[in-house]
């Protein structure tokens, strides 16, 4: 009986870990893009010639009812921004018509939870990695040099 309870708890823990790593479910209903920086070197496309370090967390909260997207950098003193002219399907699939009087972000469109790289000059340049890789870098594991 105790062994079965331990197995179930272990299986639930593994499942919760997989969900957390995939970033598919968040309590806040937001999408987070895990940014990385390149210290002591330059980016060559998506490869850091120096040491890749964890960078800013770009957060997006899309509202289907209001058809708008609020965005900010977690922990930053910079004010949040808002796109108001959007077509929002869900938190990971939306597109917005960006106006020049709005603050810039890394994206004004997200498809399948990934920001698109369109809109040259209208967005802020960034490099990102999956959540698990960002956390590995944050713990000090210098194993990676390539962003996604």
Foldseek 3Di string as FASTA:
>chain_A
DVVVVVVVVVVVVVVVVVCVQQVPDDPVQKFKFWFKDAPPADDDPFFRPHFIATDWIKIWHADQVQQKIWIDTPPDPDDIWMARAKHDPGNQFIAGDDDPVTDAEQARGGDRSHGDNDDVPRHDDTFGAGPVVNVCRVVPDRPDGGTD
